[in-house]
C-alpha atoms as a PDB file:
ATOM      1  CA  MET A   1     -18.192  50.457  -5.476  1.00  0.00           C
ATOM      2  CA  GLU A   2     -18.650  52.417  -2.261  1.00  0.00           C
ATOM      3  CA  ASP A   3     -22.152  52.501  -0.781  1.00  0.00           C
ATOM      4  CA  LYS A   4     -22.736  56.103   0.260  1.00  0.00           C
ATOM      5  CA  GLU A   5     -25.670  57.034   2.440  1.00  0.00           C
ATOM      6  CA  LYS A   6     -27.936  59.492   0.671  1.00  0.00           C
ATOM      7  CA  LYS A   7     -28.592  62.720   2.520  1.00  0.00           C
ATOM      8  CA  SER A   8     -32.055  64.174   2.298  1.00  0.00           C
ATOM      9  CA  PRO A   9     -32.766  67.923   2.451  1.00  0.00           C
ATOM     10  CA  ARG A  10     -34.977  67.036   5.440  1.00  0.00           C
ATOM     11  CA  ASP A  11     -31.821  66.109   7.352  1.00  0.00           C
ATOM     12  CA  ASP A  12     -30.731  69.754   7.303  1.00  0.00           C
ATOM     13  CA  GLU A  13     -33.611  70.707   9.600  1.00  0.00           C
ATOM     14  CA  ILE A  14     -32.496  70.608  13.215  1.00  0.00           C
ATOM     15  CA  VAL A  15     -34.355  68.091  15.363  1.00  0.00           C
ATOM     16  CA  PRO A  16     -36.174  69.560  18.396  1.00  0.00           C
ATOM     17  CA  ILE A  17     -33.778  68.282  21.063  1.00  0.00           C
ATOM     18  CA  VAL A  18     -32.551  70.644  23.765  1.00  0.00           C
ATOM     19  CA  ALA A  19     -29.674  70.801  26.247  1.00  0.00           C
ATOM     20  CA  PRO A  20     -28.235  69.041  28.079  1.00  0.00           C
ATOM     21  CA  LEU A  21     -28.536  66.571  25.182  1.00  0.00           C
ATOM     22  CA  LYS A  22     -26.095  67.267  22.341  1.00  0.00           C
ATOM     23  CA  VAL A  23     -27.007  66.113  18.824  1.00  0.00           C
ATOM     24  CA  LEU A  24     -23.957  64.660  17.046  1.00  0.00           C
ATOM     25  CA  THR A  25     -25.724  63.513  13.880  1.00  0.00           C
ATOM     26  CA  GLN A  26     -29.276  62.846  12.765  1.00  0.00           C
ATOM     27  CA  LYS A  27     -31.264  61.147  10.015  1.00  0.00           C
ATOM     28  CA  THR A  28     -34.924  61.930   9.401  1.00  0.00           C
ATOM     29  CA  ILE A  29     -36.889  58.770   8.650  1.00  0.00           C
ATOM     30  CA  ASN A  30     -40.249  60.346   7.924  1.00  0.00           C
ATOM     31  CA  LYS A  31     -41.844  63.756   8.260  1.00  0.00           C
ATOM     32  CA  ARG A  32     -45.451  64.068   7.160  1.00  0.00           C
ATOM     33  CA  PHE A  33     -49.049  64.280   8.342  1.00  0.00           C
ATOM     34  CA  GLY A  34     -47.954  66.125  11.485  1.00  0.00           C
ATOM     35  CA  TRP A  35     -45.460  63.466  12.597  1.00  0.00           C
ATOM     36  CA  TRP A  36     -41.667  63.482  12.504  1.00  0.00           C
ATOM     37  CA  SER A  37     -39.530  60.394  13.110  1.00  0.00           C
ATOM     38  CA  ALA A  38     -35.743  60.383  13.192  1.00  0.00           C
ATOM     39  CA  VAL A  39     -32.711  58.460  14.358  1.00  0.00           C
ATOM     40  CA  VAL A  40     -30.306  60.617  16.340  1.00  0.00           C
ATOM     41  CA  LEU A  41     -26.795  60.007  17.637  1.00  0.00           C
ATOM     42  CA  LEU A  42     -26.507  62.136  20.732  1.00  0.00           C
ATOM     43  CA  GLU A  43     -24.380  62.683  23.761  1.00  0.00           C
ATOM     44  CA  SER A  44     -26.053  62.702  27.150  1.00  0.00           C
ATOM     45  CA  TYR A  45     -23.967  63.549  30.195  1.00  0.00           C
ATOM     46  CA  GLY A  46     -20.792  62.325  28.480  1.00  0.00           C
ATOM     47  CA  ARG A  47     -22.294  59.078  27.111  1.00  0.00           C
ATOM     48  CA  LYS A  48     -23.224  58.501  23.488  1.00  0.00           C
ATOM     49  CA  GLN A  49     -26.438  56.765  22.489  1.00  0.00           C
ATOM     50  CA  VAL A  50     -28.486  56.207  19.358  1.00  0.00           C
ATOM     51  CA  CYS A  51     -32.122  57.171  19.817  1.00  0.00           C
ATOM     52  CA  PHE A  52     -35.236  56.680  17.761  1.00  0.00           C
ATOM     53  CA  TYR A  53     -37.518  59.703  18.201  1.00  0.00           C
ATOM     54  CA  LEU A  54     -41.123  60.427  17.304  1.00  0.00           C
ATOM     55  CA  TRP A  55     -42.531  63.952  17.560  1.00  0.00           C
ATOM     56  CA  GLN A  56     -46.021  65.298  16.895  1.00  0.00           C
ATOM     57  CA  LYS A  57     -46.607  68.794  15.506  1.00  0.00           C
ATOM     58  CA  ARG A  58     -48.374  71.106  17.968  1.00  0.00           C
ATOM     59  CA  GLU A  59     -51.321  73.218  16.881  1.00  0.00           C
ATOM     60  CA  GLU A  60     -49.650  76.276  18.432  1.00  0.00           C
ATOM     61  CA  GLY A  61     -46.405  75.513  16.570  1.00  0.00           C
ATOM     62  CA  GLY A  62     -43.303  73.523  17.349  1.00  0.00           C
ATOM     63  CA  TRP A  63     -42.950  69.821  18.071  1.00  0.00           C
ATOM     64  CA  LYS A  64     -43.803  67.660  21.092  1.00  0.00           C
ATOM     65  CA  ARG A  65     -41.861  64.477  21.737  1.00  0.00           C
ATOM     66  CA  LYS A  66     -44.151  61.455  21.872  1.00  0.00           C
ATOM     67  CA  GLN A  67     -41.655  58.580  21.931  1.00  0.00           C
ATOM     68  CA  LYS A  68     -37.958  58.037  22.520  1.00  0.00           C
ATOM     69  CA  PHE A  69     -36.186  54.705  22.338  1.00  0.00           C
ATOM     70  CA  ALA A  70     -32.476  54.624  23.172  1.00  0.00           C
ATOM     71  CA  VAL A  71     -29.854  52.067  22.195  1.00  0.00           C
ATOM     72  CA  HIS A  72     -26.967  52.303  24.643  1.00  0.00           C
ATOM     73  CA  ASN A  73     -24.524  49.729  23.282  1.00  0.00           C
ATOM     74  CA  GLN A  74     -23.795  47.374  20.392  1.00  0.00           C
ATOM     75  CA  GLU A  75     -24.922  44.306  22.347  1.00  0.00           C
ATOM     76  CA  ASP A  76     -28.413  45.785  22.761  1.00  0.00           C
ATOM     77  CA  TRP A  77     -28.464  46.732  19.068  1.00  0.00           C
ATOM     78  CA  GLU A  78     -27.633  43.147  18.043  1.00  0.00           C
ATOM     79  CA  LEU A  79     -30.521  41.852  20.162  1.00  0.00           C
ATOM     80  CA  ILE A  80     -32.872  44.394  18.564  1.00  0.00           C
ATOM     81  CA  GLN A  81     -31.659  43.576  15.047  1.00  0.00           C
ATOM     82  CA  ASN A  82     -32.117  39.841  15.580  1.00  0.00           C
ATOM     83  CA  ALA A  83     -35.621  40.278  16.970  1.00  0.00           C
ATOM     84  CA  VAL A  84     -36.702  42.597  14.150  1.00  0.00           C
ATOM     85  CA  SER A  85     -35.120  40.578  11.340  1.00  0.00           C
ATOM     86  CA  GLY A  86     -37.084  37.535  12.483  1.00  0.00           C
ATOM     87  CA  MET A  87     -40.360  39.466  12.150  1.00  0.00           C
ATOM     88  CA  ILE A  88     -39.713  41.842   9.248  1.00  0.00           C
ATOM     89  CA  LYS A  89     -40.060  39.081   6.651  1.00  0.00           C
ATOM     90  CA  VAL A  90     -43.850  38.992   7.077  1.00  0.00           C
ATOM     91  CA  LEU A  91     -44.186  42.632   5.940  1.00  0.00           C
ATOM     92  CA  THR A  92     -44.929  43.382   2.320  1.00  0.00           C
END
């Protein structure tokens, strides 16, 4: 049985990322209480990277980026995964 990733209607909304960054694909993690978090595969000056973004809704409208964390290669991702998997077990 093939494990297909479910697409949420929230993923159809375009993340507030502007040129020169080019969004290749995105996945909204959470969008509520004035905060929006997403994982985005983007291209920046010819290089691809996976980024974790956090935006806060502005009172005057639109979104302001509050955090960005980029993963540049698979080696870095393996280090992140190993660190998180060692800690995630204590969450309920």
